[in-house]
């Protein structure tokens, strides 16, 4: 389990996110838990980040979280 903070750039509000890496049907996925209890599941194909259809994250937020996961996973 990884835990980190990400600054939401549209309003400057900082929020701690809990990231859990899991395997689902031979695909590595990341479950993201927000402070308000909301959850999203992210996965990566090539260099592009995606989310489940029912998660409805804004594209800028999906990209920001994905970039942060990439940065942390590089270590």
N, C-alpha and C. Protein backbone atom coordinates (compact mmCIF):
# COMPACT_ATOMS: atom_id res chain seq x y z
N UNK A 1 0.85 -1.18 0.00
CA UNK A 1 0.00 0.00 0.00
C UNK A 1 0.89 1.24 0.00
N UNK A 2 0.54 2.19 -0.84
CA UNK A 2 1.26 3.45 -0.89
C UNK A 2 0.31 4.54 -0.38
N UNK A 3 0.89 5.54 0.26
CA UNK A 3 0.09 6.67 0.72
C UNK A 3 0.87 7.93 0.37
N UNK A 4 0.18 8.89 -0.25
CA UNK A 4 0.86 10.13 -0.62
C UNK A 4 -0.13 11.25 -0.73
N UNK A 5 0.40 12.48 -0.81
CA UNK A 5 -0.44 13.66 -1.00
C UNK A 5 -0.30 14.14 -2.42
N UNK A 6 -1.39 14.64 -2.95
CA UNK A 6 -1.37 15.23 -4.29
C UNK A 6 -2.07 16.57 -4.20
N UNK A 7 -1.49 17.58 -4.83
CA UNK A 7 -2.12 18.90 -4.84
C UNK A 7 -3.05 18.97 -6.04
N UNK A 8 -4.31 19.19 -5.78
CA UNK A 8 -5.29 19.31 -6.85
C UNK A 8 -5.13 20.70 -7.45
N UNK A 9 -4.60 20.76 -8.65
CA UNK A 9 -4.12 22.00 -9.22
C UNK A 9 -5.20 23.03 -9.56
N UNK A 10 -6.44 22.62 -9.72
CA UNK A 10 -7.45 23.60 -10.10
C UNK A 10 -7.85 24.52 -8.95
N UNK A 11 -7.72 24.03 -7.71
CA UNK A 11 -8.08 24.91 -6.61
C UNK A 11 -7.00 24.98 -5.53
N UNK A 12 -5.86 24.30 -5.73
CA UNK A 12 -4.76 24.35 -4.78
C UNK A 12 -4.99 23.58 -3.51
N UNK A 13 -6.08 22.86 -3.40
CA UNK A 13 -6.41 22.08 -2.20
C UNK A 13 -5.58 20.81 -2.19
N UNK A 14 -4.94 20.52 -1.05
CA UNK A 14 -4.15 19.30 -0.91
C UNK A 14 -5.00 18.23 -0.24
N UNK A 15 -4.87 17.01 -0.76
CA UNK A 15 -5.66 15.91 -0.25
C UNK A 15 -4.80 14.65 -0.17
N UNK A 16 -4.85 13.95 0.95
CA UNK A 16 -4.11 12.69 1.09
C UNK A 16 -4.93 11.58 0.44
N UNK A 17 -4.28 10.82 -0.43
CA UNK A 17 -4.93 9.70 -1.10
C UNK A 17 -4.28 8.41 -0.65
N UNK A 18 -5.08 7.36 -0.53
CA UNK A 18 -4.54 6.04 -0.25
C UNK A 18 -4.57 5.26 -1.55
N UNK A 19 -3.42 4.70 -1.92
CA UNK A 19 -3.30 3.95 -3.16
C UNK A 19 -2.99 2.50 -2.83
N UNK A 20 -3.77 1.58 -3.38
CA UNK A 20 -3.55 0.16 -3.17
C UNK A 20 -3.38 -0.48 -4.55
N UNK A 21 -2.25 -1.15 -4.74
CA UNK A 21 -1.99 -1.83 -6.00
C UNK A 21 -2.52 -3.26 -5.90
N UNK A 22 -3.29 -3.69 -6.89
CA UNK A 22 -3.87 -5.02 -6.90
C UNK A 22 -3.79 -5.61 -8.30
N UNK A 23 -4.05 -6.90 -8.43
CA UNK A 23 -4.15 -7.55 -9.72
C UNK A 23 -5.58 -7.99 -9.94
N UNK A 24 -6.13 -7.65 -11.10
CA UNK A 24 -7.49 -8.02 -11.46
C UNK A 24 -7.47 -8.60 -12.86
N UNK A 25 -7.79 -9.88 -12.99
CA UNK A 25 -7.77 -10.57 -14.28
C UNK A 25 -6.46 -10.33 -15.03
N UNK A 26 -5.35 -10.58 -14.38
CA UNK A 26 -4.00 -10.43 -14.95
C UNK A 26 -3.65 -8.99 -15.33
N UNK A 27 -4.37 -8.01 -14.83
CA UNK A 27 -4.10 -6.61 -15.10
C UNK A 27 -3.80 -5.91 -13.78
N UNK A 28 -2.70 -5.16 -13.72
CA UNK A 28 -2.39 -4.41 -12.51
C UNK A 28 -3.30 -3.19 -12.46
N UNK A 29 -3.99 -3.03 -11.33
CA UNK A 29 -4.89 -1.89 -11.13
C UNK A 29 -4.51 -1.20 -9.83
N UNK A 30 -4.93 0.04 -9.70
CA UNK A 30 -4.68 0.82 -8.50
C UNK A 30 -6.00 1.34 -7.98
N UNK A 31 -6.33 0.97 -6.75
CA UNK A 31 -7.53 1.47 -6.10
C UNK A 31 -7.15 2.74 -5.34
N UNK A 32 -7.82 3.82 -5.66
CA UNK A 32 -7.54 5.12 -5.06
C UNK A 32 -8.69 5.44 -4.11
N UNK A 33 -8.35 5.69 -2.83
CA UNK A 33 -9.36 6.07 -1.84
C UNK A 33 -9.12 7.53 -1.45
N UNK A 34 -10.16 8.33 -1.58
CA UNK A 34 -10.10 9.74 -1.23
C UNK A 34 -10.50 9.94 0.22
N UNK A 35 -10.17 11.09 0.79
CA UNK A 35 -10.48 11.39 2.19
C UNK A 35 -11.98 11.36 2.48
N UNK A 36 -12.80 11.68 1.49
CA UNK A 36 -14.25 11.70 1.72
C UNK A 36 -14.88 10.31 1.58
N UNK A 37 -14.05 9.27 1.38
CA UNK A 37 -14.55 7.91 1.28
C UNK A 37 -14.80 7.43 -0.14
N UNK A 38 -14.75 8.33 -1.11
CA UNK A 38 -14.94 7.94 -2.51
C UNK A 38 -13.77 7.09 -2.97
N UNK A 39 -14.03 6.19 -3.91
CA UNK A 39 -13.00 5.32 -4.46
C UNK A 39 -13.04 5.36 -5.98
N UNK A 40 -11.89 5.11 -6.57
CA UNK A 40 -11.78 4.98 -8.03
C UNK A 40 -10.77 3.87 -8.30
N UNK A 41 -10.92 3.20 -9.41
CA UNK A 41 -9.97 2.18 -9.82
C UNK A 41 -9.33 2.63 -11.13
N UNK A 42 -8.00 2.70 -11.12
CA UNK A 42 -7.24 3.16 -12.28
C UNK A 42 -6.43 2.01 -12.85
N UNK A 43 -6.20 2.04 -14.14
CA UNK A 43 -5.31 1.09 -14.78
C UNK A 43 -4.61 1.77 -15.93
N UNK A 44 -3.50 1.19 -16.34
CA UNK A 44 -2.67 1.82 -17.36
C UNK A 44 -2.49 0.87 -18.53
N UNK A 45 -2.68 1.39 -19.73
CA UNK A 45 -2.41 0.66 -20.97
C UNK A 45 -1.38 1.47 -21.74
N UNK A 46 -0.18 0.91 -21.89
CA UNK A 46 0.89 1.65 -22.52
C UNK A 46 1.30 2.81 -21.65
N UNK A 47 1.15 4.02 -22.17
CA UNK A 47 1.48 5.22 -21.39
C UNK A 47 0.22 5.98 -20.95
N UNK A 48 -0.95 5.46 -21.27
CA UNK A 48 -2.22 6.15 -21.00
C UNK A 48 -2.91 5.57 -19.76
N UNK A 49 -3.40 6.45 -18.89
CA UNK A 49 -4.15 6.05 -17.70
C UNK A 49 -5.65 6.05 -17.99
N UNK A 50 -6.34 5.06 -17.44
CA UNK A 50 -7.79 4.91 -17.62
C UNK A 50 -8.44 4.66 -16.27
N UNK A 51 -9.76 4.78 -16.25
CA UNK A 51 -10.54 4.52 -15.04
C UNK A 51 -11.75 3.68 -15.40
N UNK A 52 -12.37 3.10 -14.38
CA UNK A 52 -13.62 2.38 -14.63
C UNK A 52 -14.67 3.38 -15.11
N UNK A 53 -15.63 2.91 -15.88
CA UNK A 53 -16.69 3.78 -16.40
C UNK A 53 -17.48 4.47 -15.30
N UNK A 54 -17.65 3.82 -14.17
CA UNK A 54 -18.49 4.39 -13.11
C UNK A 54 -17.75 5.35 -12.17
N UNK A 55 -16.47 5.61 -12.40
CA UNK A 55 -15.72 6.46 -11.47
C UNK A 55 -15.83 7.95 -11.76
N UNK A 56 -15.91 8.36 -12.99
CA UNK A 56 -16.16 9.76 -13.37
C UNK A 56 -15.15 10.77 -12.83
N UNK A 57 -13.87 10.41 -12.78
CA UNK A 57 -12.86 11.40 -12.42
C UNK A 57 -12.66 12.35 -13.60
N UNK A 58 -12.41 13.61 -13.31
CA UNK A 58 -12.11 14.55 -14.37
C UNK A 58 -10.76 14.16 -14.98
N UNK A 59 -10.57 14.43 -16.26
CA UNK A 59 -9.37 13.98 -16.96
C UNK A 59 -8.10 14.55 -16.34
N UNK A 60 -8.11 15.81 -15.89
CA UNK A 60 -6.91 16.41 -15.29
C UNK A 60 -6.54 15.69 -14.00
N UNK A 61 -7.55 15.25 -13.24
CA UNK A 61 -7.29 14.56 -11.98
C UNK A 61 -6.77 13.15 -12.24
N UNK A 62 -7.36 12.45 -13.20
CA UNK A 62 -6.90 11.13 -13.58
C UNK A 62 -5.43 11.18 -14.01
N UNK A 63 -5.09 12.17 -14.82
CA UNK A 63 -3.72 12.32 -15.30
C UNK A 63 -2.77 12.65 -14.15
N UNK A 64 -3.17 13.53 -13.24
CA UNK A 64 -2.31 13.92 -12.11
C UNK A 64 -2.05 12.73 -11.19
N UNK A 65 -3.07 11.94 -10.89
CA UNK A 65 -2.88 10.77 -10.03
C UNK A 65 -2.00 9.74 -10.74
N UNK A 66 -2.27 9.49 -12.02
CA UNK A 66 -1.47 8.54 -12.78
C UNK A 66 0.00 8.93 -12.83
N UNK A 67 0.29 10.20 -13.05
CA UNK A 67 1.67 10.67 -13.09
C UNK A 67 2.36 10.46 -11.74
N UNK A 68 1.61 10.69 -10.66
CA UNK A 68 2.18 10.50 -9.32
C UNK A 68 2.47 9.02 -9.06
N UNK A 69 1.57 8.13 -9.49
CA UNK A 69 1.80 6.69 -9.34
C UNK A 69 3.03 6.29 -10.14
N UNK A 70 3.15 6.78 -11.38
CA UNK A 70 4.33 6.49 -12.20
C UNK A 70 5.61 6.92 -11.50
N UNK A 71 5.59 8.12 -10.92
CA UNK A 71 6.76 8.64 -10.24
C UNK A 71 7.16 7.77 -9.05
N UNK A 72 6.18 7.39 -8.24
CA UNK A 72 6.45 6.56 -7.06
C UNK A 72 6.88 5.16 -7.47
N UNK A 73 6.24 4.59 -8.48
CA UNK A 73 6.55 3.22 -8.92
C UNK A 73 7.93 3.12 -9.55
N UNK A 74 8.49 4.23 -9.99
CA UNK A 74 9.82 4.21 -10.61
C UNK A 74 10.91 3.89 -9.59
N UNK A 75 10.62 4.07 -8.30
CA UNK A 75 11.62 3.81 -7.25
C UNK A 75 11.46 2.43 -6.80
